[in-house]
Amino acid sequence: MGKLRITWKRSAIGYPKRQARTIRALGLQRLNHTVEHDDTPQVRGMIKAVEHLVEWSAVQEGRE
């Protein structure tokens, strides 16, 4: 299973509260914070819901 690297790039102010809760559920704490998650359909769905606020990329196995 691959990994996804997600970085919070735009503030959630002015967007529905549900999107701010999705950002928190992804484990993002502040702007420009980056987290890694397993590549699952659930995480992909959360990214899709807030794709206008985050940047993401797939992490290659064996690389940091």
N, C-alpha and C. Protein backbone atom coordinates (compact mmCIF):
# COMPACT_ATOMS: atom_id res chain seq x y z
N MET A 1 0.84 -1.18 0.00
CA MET A 1 0.00 0.00 0.00
C MET A 1 0.88 1.24 0.00
N GLY A 2 0.58 2.18 -0.85
CA GLY A 2 1.36 3.41 -0.95
C GLY A 2 1.01 4.42 0.12
N LYS A 3 1.71 5.51 0.10
CA LYS A 3 1.48 6.60 1.04
C LYS A 3 1.15 7.86 0.26
N LEU A 4 0.42 8.76 0.90
CA LEU A 4 0.12 10.07 0.34
C LEU A 4 0.67 11.13 1.27
N ARG A 5 1.32 12.13 0.71
CA ARG A 5 1.82 13.27 1.49
C ARG A 5 0.87 14.44 1.23
N ILE A 6 0.30 14.99 2.30
CA ILE A 6 -0.71 16.04 2.19
C ILE A 6 -0.21 17.28 2.92
N THR A 7 -0.27 18.43 2.26
CA THR A 7 0.16 19.69 2.85
C THR A 7 -1.00 20.68 2.79
N TRP A 8 -1.29 21.31 3.93
CA TRP A 8 -2.35 22.31 4.02
C TRP A 8 -1.80 23.63 3.49
N LYS A 9 -2.42 24.16 2.41
CA LYS A 9 -1.90 25.36 1.74
C LYS A 9 -2.80 26.58 1.83
N ARG A 10 -4.12 26.42 1.97
CA ARG A 10 -5.03 27.57 2.03
C ARG A 10 -5.89 27.49 3.27
N SER A 11 -6.15 28.63 3.86
CA SER A 11 -6.96 28.69 5.07
C SER A 11 -8.39 28.21 4.80
N ALA A 12 -9.00 27.62 5.81
CA ALA A 12 -10.38 27.14 5.71
C ALA A 12 -11.38 28.21 6.14
N ILE A 13 -10.91 29.40 6.47
CA ILE A 13 -11.81 30.49 6.85
C ILE A 13 -12.67 30.86 5.65
N GLY A 14 -13.97 30.97 5.89
CA GLY A 14 -14.89 31.34 4.83
C GLY A 14 -15.46 30.15 4.08
N TYR A 15 -15.02 28.95 4.43
CA TYR A 15 -15.54 27.73 3.83
C TYR A 15 -16.43 27.03 4.85
N PRO A 16 -17.27 26.10 4.42
CA PRO A 16 -18.14 25.40 5.37
C PRO A 16 -17.34 24.73 6.49
N LYS A 17 -17.93 24.69 7.67
CA LYS A 17 -17.26 24.09 8.83
C LYS A 17 -16.89 22.63 8.58
N ARG A 18 -17.67 21.96 7.77
CA ARG A 18 -17.38 20.56 7.46
C ARG A 18 -16.00 20.42 6.83
N GLN A 19 -15.60 21.37 6.00
CA GLN A 19 -14.28 21.31 5.37
C GLN A 19 -13.18 21.54 6.40
N ALA A 20 -13.41 22.43 7.34
CA ALA A 20 -12.42 22.65 8.41
C ALA A 20 -12.28 21.38 9.25
N ARG A 21 -13.38 20.70 9.51
CA ARG A 21 -13.32 19.45 10.27
C ARG A 21 -12.59 18.36 9.49
N THR A 22 -12.73 18.36 8.17
CA THR A 22 -12.02 17.39 7.34
C THR A 22 -10.52 17.64 7.40
N ILE A 23 -10.12 18.91 7.37
CA ILE A 23 -8.70 19.26 7.50
C ILE A 23 -8.15 18.72 8.82
N ARG A 24 -8.89 18.93 9.90
CA ARG A 24 -8.46 18.43 11.22
C ARG A 24 -8.42 16.90 11.25
N ALA A 25 -9.41 16.26 10.61
CA ALA A 25 -9.45 14.80 10.58
C ALA A 25 -8.26 14.22 9.83
N LEU A 26 -7.73 14.95 8.88
CA LEU A 26 -6.53 14.52 8.17
C LEU A 26 -5.28 14.68 9.04
N GLY A 27 -5.40 15.36 10.17
CA GLY A 27 -4.27 15.54 11.08
C GLY A 27 -3.48 16.81 10.84
N LEU A 28 -4.01 17.70 10.01
CA LEU A 28 -3.32 18.95 9.72
C LEU A 28 -3.61 19.96 10.82
N GLN A 29 -2.56 20.59 11.34
CA GLN A 29 -2.69 21.48 12.49
C GLN A 29 -2.62 22.97 12.14
N ARG A 30 -1.84 23.32 11.12
CA ARG A 30 -1.63 24.72 10.76
C ARG A 30 -1.26 24.79 9.28
N LEU A 31 -1.29 25.97 8.72
CA LEU A 31 -0.92 26.13 7.32
C LEU A 31 0.51 25.64 7.09
N ASN A 32 0.74 25.06 5.95
CA ASN A 32 2.03 24.50 5.53
C ASN A 32 2.46 23.29 6.36
N HIS A 33 1.56 22.73 7.15
CA HIS A 33 1.84 21.49 7.87
C HIS A 33 1.66 20.32 6.91
N THR A 34 2.53 19.34 6.98
CA THR A 34 2.49 18.19 6.09
C THR A 34 2.33 16.92 6.91
N VAL A 35 1.46 16.03 6.43
CA VAL A 35 1.27 14.72 7.07
C VAL A 35 1.32 13.65 5.99
N GLU A 36 1.55 12.41 6.41
CA GLU A 36 1.51 11.28 5.50
C GLU A 36 0.46 10.30 5.98
N HIS A 37 -0.31 9.77 5.03
CA HIS A 37 -1.34 8.78 5.32
C HIS A 37 -1.23 7.65 4.32
N ASP A 38 -1.74 6.48 4.72
CA ASP A 38 -1.85 5.37 3.77
C ASP A 38 -2.80 5.77 2.66
N ASP A 39 -2.54 5.26 1.48
CA ASP A 39 -3.38 5.55 0.32
C ASP A 39 -4.61 4.64 0.35
N THR A 40 -5.69 5.14 0.97
CA THR A 40 -6.94 4.38 1.07
C THR A 40 -8.06 5.18 0.42
N PRO A 41 -9.16 4.53 0.06
CA PRO A 41 -10.29 5.26 -0.51
C PRO A 41 -10.85 6.33 0.44
N GLN A 42 -10.80 6.07 1.74
CA GLN A 42 -11.30 7.03 2.71
C GLN A 42 -10.47 8.32 2.71
N VAL A 43 -9.16 8.17 2.70
CA VAL A 43 -8.27 9.33 2.68
C VAL A 43 -8.40 10.06 1.35
N ARG A 44 -8.49 9.33 0.25
CA ARG A 44 -8.67 9.97 -1.06
C ARG A 44 -9.95 10.79 -1.09
N GLY A 45 -11.02 10.27 -0.47
CA GLY A 45 -12.28 11.00 -0.42
C GLY A 45 -12.17 12.28 0.39
N MET A 46 -11.43 12.22 1.50
CA MET A 46 -11.24 13.41 2.32
C MET A 46 -10.42 14.45 1.56
N ILE A 47 -9.42 14.01 0.83
CA ILE A 47 -8.62 14.93 0.01
C ILE A 47 -9.49 15.57 -1.05
N LYS A 48 -10.34 14.77 -1.69
CA LYS A 48 -11.23 15.29 -2.74
C LYS A 48 -12.15 16.37 -2.19
N ALA A 49 -12.60 16.23 -0.94
CA ALA A 49 -13.51 17.20 -0.33
C ALA A 49 -12.84 18.54 -0.07
N VAL A 50 -11.51 18.53 0.12
CA VAL A 50 -10.80 19.79 0.44
C VAL A 50 -9.64 20.02 -0.52
N GLU A 51 -9.74 19.52 -1.75
CA GLU A 51 -8.61 19.62 -2.68
C GLU A 51 -8.24 21.06 -3.02
N HIS A 52 -9.16 22.00 -2.83
CA HIS A 52 -8.88 23.41 -3.09
C HIS A 52 -8.09 24.05 -1.95
N LEU A 53 -7.93 23.34 -0.83
CA LEU A 53 -7.20 23.86 0.33
C LEU A 53 -5.86 23.17 0.56
N VAL A 54 -5.64 22.03 -0.07
CA VAL A 54 -4.43 21.25 0.18
C VAL A 54 -3.71 20.93 -1.12
N GLU A 55 -2.45 20.54 -0.96
CA GLU A 55 -1.67 19.95 -2.04
C GLU A 55 -1.31 18.55 -1.59
N TRP A 56 -1.30 17.61 -2.51
CA TRP A 56 -0.95 16.25 -2.13
C TRP A 56 -0.14 15.59 -3.23
N SER A 57 0.59 14.56 -2.84
CA SER A 57 1.36 13.80 -3.81
C SER A 57 1.55 12.38 -3.26
N ALA A 58 1.77 11.46 -4.16
CA ALA A 58 2.05 10.08 -3.77
C ALA A 58 3.53 9.98 -3.37
N VAL A 59 3.79 9.23 -2.33
CA VAL A 59 5.15 9.04 -1.87
C VAL A 59 5.64 7.70 -2.40
N GLN A 60 6.80 7.69 -3.01
CA GLN A 60 7.37 6.46 -3.56
C GLN A 60 7.86 5.58 -2.43
N GLU A 61 7.66 4.28 -2.54
CA GLU A 61 8.13 3.33 -1.54
C GLU A 61 9.65 3.40 -1.45
N GLY A 62 10.16 3.39 -0.22
CA GLY A 62 11.60 3.38 -0.01
C GLY A 62 12.26 4.74 -0.12
N ARG A 63 11.48 5.79 -0.37
CA ARG A 63 12.03 7.15 -0.45
C ARG A 63 11.42 8.00 0.64
N GLU A 64 12.15 9.00 1.06
CA GLU A 64 11.63 9.93 2.06
C GLU A 64 11.44 11.28 1.48
